[in-house]
Amino acid sequence: MITNKRVIICSGWIIKSMRDIMLHRIEGVRVVQSLTGRVLNFGSVVLFGMGTCVDSLILLPSPFVFRAKIQEYVNKKSSVTTS
């Protein structure tokens, strides 16, 4: 889930795990998609944050749309802070 301040990553079915990364701390986004993923429109998104923080979202539907949304929010935040 993407909010206006952070990306929240929830995983697990029996053992629930939740972590978040602030949008202003994201330095890069990588999308990994296999041939099957391209055909069926799913893939993995890796978020690189400041420092050594790396978060992965595996088997995410429409990974390039998710990446574009993150970049949109990050660009909005950077344009607001530089104005």
Protein backbone atom coordinates (compact mmCIF):
# COMPACT_ATOMS: atom_id res chain seq x y z
CA MET A 1 0.00 0.00 0.00
CA ILE A 2 1.23 3.49 -0.82
CA THR A 3 0.14 6.45 1.29
CA ASN A 4 1.14 10.08 0.85
CA LYS A 5 4.03 9.57 3.32
CA ARG A 6 5.14 5.92 3.16
CA VAL A 7 5.02 2.53 1.52
CA ILE A 8 3.53 -0.11 3.83
CA ILE A 9 4.48 -3.74 3.14
CA CYS A 10 2.37 -6.47 4.75
CA SER A 11 3.21 -10.14 4.34
CA GLY A 12 2.35 -13.48 5.83
CA TRP A 13 -0.82 -15.39 6.32
CA ILE A 14 -0.30 -17.26 9.57
CA ILE A 15 2.52 -15.11 10.91
CA LYS A 16 1.76 -11.50 9.94
CA SER A 17 4.64 -9.14 9.27
CA MET A 18 4.39 -5.43 8.48
CA ARG A 19 7.12 -2.93 7.65
CA ASP A 20 7.13 0.52 6.14
CA ILE A 21 9.54 2.86 4.46
CA MET A 22 9.09 6.61 4.29
CA LEU A 23 8.75 7.95 0.73
CA HIS A 24 11.39 10.63 1.27
CA ARG A 25 13.89 7.88 2.21
CA ILE A 26 13.48 5.89 -1.02
CA GLU A 27 16.52 6.21 -3.28
CA GLY A 28 15.66 3.68 -5.96
CA VAL A 29 13.11 1.18 -7.22
CA ARG A 30 13.88 -1.97 -9.22
CA VAL A 31 11.34 -4.21 -10.96
CA VAL A 32 12.21 -7.85 -11.65
CA GLN A 33 9.88 -9.71 -14.01
CA SER A 34 10.27 -13.16 -15.54
CA LEU A 35 8.86 -14.15 -18.93
CA THR A 36 5.85 -15.71 -17.19
CA GLY A 37 5.47 -12.56 -15.11
CA ARG A 38 5.43 -10.40 -18.24
CA VAL A 39 2.74 -12.56 -19.83
CA LEU A 40 0.60 -12.67 -16.65
CA ASN A 41 1.53 -9.13 -15.49
CA PHE A 42 3.21 -9.81 -12.13
CA GLY A 43 6.70 -9.38 -10.76
CA SER A 44 8.82 -8.29 -7.83
CA VAL A 45 9.56 -4.72 -6.76
CA VAL A 46 12.69 -3.95 -4.74
CA LEU A 47 12.83 -0.65 -2.82
CA PHE A 48 16.23 0.81 -1.97
CA GLY A 49 16.23 3.24 0.93
CA MET A 50 18.86 5.43 2.50
CA GLY A 51 21.52 3.37 4.22
CA THR A 52 21.30 -0.39 3.84
CA CYS A 53 17.52 -0.73 3.85
CA VAL A 54 16.16 -2.95 1.09
CA ASP A 55 12.54 -4.10 0.97
CA SER A 56 11.08 -6.53 -1.56
CA LEU A 57 7.52 -7.03 -2.67
CA ILE A 58 7.28 -10.44 -4.32
CA LEU A 59 4.63 -11.57 -6.84
CA LEU A 60 3.09 -8.13 -7.04
CA PRO A 61 0.42 -7.57 -9.73
CA SER A 62 1.23 -4.75 -12.17
CA PRO A 63 4.72 -4.02 -10.80
CA PHE A 64 5.46 -1.21 -13.27
CA VAL A 65 2.28 0.64 -12.25
CA PHE A 66 3.34 0.32 -8.59
CA ARG A 67 6.83 1.63 -9.49
CA ALA A 68 5.33 4.59 -11.36
CA LYS A 69 3.12 5.47 -8.37
CA ILE A 70 6.11 5.43 -6.01
CA GLN A 71 8.13 7.63 -8.37
CA GLU A 72 5.17 10.01 -8.72
CA TYR A 73 4.89 10.44 -4.93
CA VAL A 74 8.67 10.78 -4.50
CA ASN A 75 8.82 13.43 -7.26
CA LYS A 76 5.92 15.35 -5.67
CA LYS A 77 7.67 15.32 -2.30
CA SER A 78 10.98 16.47 -3.78
CA SER A 79 9.33 19.30 -5.74
CA VAL A 80 7.49 20.50 -2.62
CA THR A 81 10.66 20.51 -0.49
CA THR A 82 12.70 22.37 -3.13
CA SER A 83 10.03 25.05 -3.71
